């Protein structure tokens, strides 16, 4: 049977996933996780030692800063940090950063360091192969990193459940 009209090329897995996440209303969670987990790489170790991303409100990222001198200094770096976030996310959905003075959580309990810690068990070769096949289409780097973690955790659980 032949379909009428012009055929369009298939959508990439990355664009389809982004659309589905947006439709489900959870794309902001993925963005937040991507920023939190990569904060040290996005801003650099020195800035990360004095800052902590707190929350997203619309297109505004609120960041806590531990010292008044750093708060002042970050005002000058705001444009560069925003540009780094755009590159990391692969989009310019974060339109503004607001810095505010406050107390940072302890580094070892911080979500950004907790997210960066490796899982206690490495995924099996079968799980790693399945992850690679799921991510064979080009995705923004931040989304791919988050998806790798989610897939490893989910597929690892399924694999453990099957062995019980």
Protein backbone atom coordinates (compact mmCIF):
# COMPACT_ATOMS: atom_id res chain seq x y z
CA UNK A 1 0.00 0.00 0.00
CA UNK A 2 1.35 3.40 -0.91
CA UNK A 3 0.89 6.42 1.35
CA UNK A 4 -0.23 9.70 -0.12
CA UNK A 5 1.82 12.84 0.11
CA UNK A 6 5.50 13.44 0.44
CA UNK A 7 7.48 11.21 2.70
CA UNK A 8 9.47 12.98 5.35
CA UNK A 9 12.71 11.68 6.82
CA UNK A 10 12.37 10.01 10.23
CA UNK A 11 12.92 12.21 13.25
CA UNK A 12 16.09 11.63 15.25
CA UNK A 13 15.79 9.82 18.56
CA UNK A 14 17.15 12.91 20.33
CA UNK A 15 14.54 15.28 18.92
CA UNK A 16 11.76 12.75 19.53
CA UNK A 17 12.86 12.24 23.13
CA UNK A 18 13.06 15.98 23.76
CA UNK A 19 9.55 16.43 22.34
CA UNK A 20 8.15 13.59 24.47
CA UNK A 21 9.81 14.91 27.63
CA UNK A 22 8.42 18.38 26.90
CA UNK A 23 4.92 16.96 26.29
CA UNK A 24 5.11 15.00 29.55
CA UNK A 25 6.18 18.15 31.37
CA UNK A 26 9.43 16.67 32.70
CA UNK A 27 11.93 18.34 30.40
CA UNK A 28 12.71 20.88 33.14
CA UNK A 29 13.73 18.00 35.44
CA UNK A 30 16.18 16.75 32.83
CA UNK A 31 17.56 20.25 32.31
CA UNK A 32 17.96 20.74 36.05
CA UNK A 33 19.68 17.39 36.47
CA UNK A 34 22.00 18.12 33.55
CA UNK A 35 23.03 21.47 35.06
CA UNK A 36 23.41 20.13 38.61
CA UNK A 37 25.42 17.06 37.61
CA UNK A 38 27.77 19.04 35.37
CA UNK A 39 28.05 22.24 37.40
CA UNK A 40 31.77 21.78 38.14
CA UNK A 41 32.56 21.27 34.43
CA UNK A 42 30.30 24.13 33.30
CA UNK A 43 31.71 26.78 35.64
CA UNK A 44 35.10 25.30 36.55
CA UNK A 45 36.34 23.99 39.89
CA UNK A 46 37.21 27.38 41.38
CA UNK A 47 33.77 28.91 40.77
CA UNK A 48 32.03 25.64 41.71
CA UNK A 49 33.78 25.69 45.09
CA UNK A 50 31.93 28.94 45.92
CA UNK A 51 28.57 28.33 44.20
CA UNK A 52 25.66 25.92 44.14
CA UNK A 53 22.77 25.87 41.65
CA UNK A 54 19.60 25.97 43.78
CA UNK A 55 16.59 25.90 41.48
CA UNK A 56 15.10 26.77 38.11
CA UNK A 57 12.12 29.06 37.82
CA UNK A 58 10.99 29.33 34.23
CA UNK A 59 14.10 30.29 32.30
CA UNK A 60 15.94 31.65 35.34
CA UNK A 61 18.61 29.66 37.18
CA UNK A 62 19.11 30.71 40.81
CA UNK A 63 22.61 30.12 42.18
CA UNK A 64 23.73 30.46 45.80
CA UNK A 65 27.14 32.06 46.37
CA UNK A 66 29.03 31.71 49.65
CA UNK A 67 30.97 35.00 49.83
CA UNK A 68 30.16 38.63 48.96
CA UNK A 69 33.39 39.00 46.95
CA UNK A 70 32.42 36.00 44.82
CA UNK A 71 28.92 37.38 44.41
CA UNK A 72 30.43 40.58 43.01
CA UNK A 73 32.93 38.71 40.82
CA UNK A 74 30.24 36.41 39.37
CA UNK A 75 28.33 39.44 38.15
CA UNK A 76 31.16 39.93 35.65
CA UNK A 77 31.21 36.23 34.71
CA UNK A 78 27.44 35.86 34.28
CA UNK A 79 27.51 36.06 30.47
CA UNK A 80 30.28 33.47 30.16
CA UNK A 81 28.57 31.09 32.60
CA UNK A 82 25.29 31.43 30.71
CA UNK A 83 27.10 30.72 27.43
CA UNK A 84 28.74 27.63 28.98
CA UNK A 85 25.32 26.40 30.16
CA UNK A 86 23.90 26.89 26.65
CA UNK A 87 26.76 24.88 25.16
CA UNK A 88 26.40 22.12 27.76
CA UNK A 89 22.62 21.82 27.33
CA UNK A 90 22.72 22.26 23.57
CA UNK A 91 20.04 24.96 23.84
CA UNK A 92 19.49 28.47 25.16
CA UNK A 93 16.46 27.62 27.30
CA UNK A 94 18.12 29.10 30.39
CA UNK A 95 17.84 32.81 29.74
CA UNK A 96 18.98 34.31 33.02
CA UNK A 97 21.11 33.57 36.07
CA UNK A 98 20.52 35.20 39.44
CA UNK A 99 23.19 34.95 42.09
CA UNK A 100 22.33 35.33 45.75
CA UNK A 101 24.36 35.18 48.92
CA UNK A 102 23.79 32.13 51.11
CA UNK A 103 25.24 29.02 52.67
CA UNK A 104 26.36 26.21 50.42
CA UNK A 105 25.52 22.61 51.26
CA UNK A 106 28.53 20.53 52.34
CA UNK A 107 30.40 19.33 49.24
CA UNK A 108 30.05 15.65 50.08
CA UNK A 109 26.25 16.01 50.45
CA UNK A 110 25.82 18.31 47.47
CA UNK A 111 23.59 16.97 44.66
CA UNK A 112 26.25 17.84 42.11
CA UNK A 113 28.87 15.64 43.79
CA UNK A 114 26.39 12.89 44.67
CA UNK A 115 25.27 12.74 41.03
CA UNK A 116 28.86 12.55 39.86
CA UNK A 117 29.70 9.55 42.09
CA UNK A 118 29.80 6.29 40.18
CA UNK A 119 27.29 3.60 41.02
CA UNK A 120 28.57 0.84 43.25
CA UNK A 121 28.11 -1.76 40.52
CA UNK A 122 29.19 -1.42 36.92
CA UNK A 123 26.59 -2.27 34.28
CA UNK A 124 27.14 -5.59 32.53
CA UNK A 125 28.41 -5.68 28.93
CA UNK A 126 24.87 -6.52 27.75
CA UNK A 127 23.50 -3.42 29.50
CA UNK A 128 26.27 -1.24 28.07
CA UNK A 129 25.56 -2.59 24.58
CA UNK A 130 21.85 -1.85 24.96
CA UNK A 131 22.63 1.69 26.13
CA UNK A 132 24.86 2.26 23.10
CA UNK A 133 22.14 1.05 20.75
CA UNK A 134 19.57 3.35 22.41
CA UNK A 135 21.91 6.32 22.05
CA UNK A 136 23.10 5.69 18.51
CA UNK A 137 21.50 8.93 17.22
CA UNK A 138 23.23 12.26 17.94
CA UNK A 139 21.98 13.91 21.15
CA UNK A 140 23.05 17.04 23.04
CA UNK A 141 25.94 16.06 25.33
CA UNK A 142 24.08 16.87 28.54
CA UNK A 143 21.03 14.86 27.53
CA UNK A 144 23.18 11.92 26.49
CA UNK A 145 25.00 11.93 29.85
CA UNK A 146 21.73 11.97 31.78
CA UNK A 147 20.18 9.28 29.59
CA UNK A 148 23.21 7.04 30.02
CA UNK A 149 22.82 7.25 33.82
CA UNK A 150 19.07 6.64 33.69
CA UNK A 151 19.40 3.73 31.25
CA UNK A 152 22.24 2.14 33.23
CA UNK A 153 20.23 2.34 36.44
CA UNK A 154 17.01 1.07 34.85
CA UNK A 155 18.57 -1.71 32.80
CA UNK A 156 20.78 -2.71 35.74
CA UNK A 157 17.68 -3.06 37.93
CA UNK A 158 15.90 -5.14 35.29
CA UNK A 159 18.96 -7.36 34.96
CA UNK A 160 19.13 -7.82 38.75
CA UNK A 161 15.40 -8.58 38.94
CA UNK A 162 15.74 -11.24 36.24
CA UNK A 163 18.49 -13.03 38.21
CA UNK A 164 16.34 -13.29 41.36
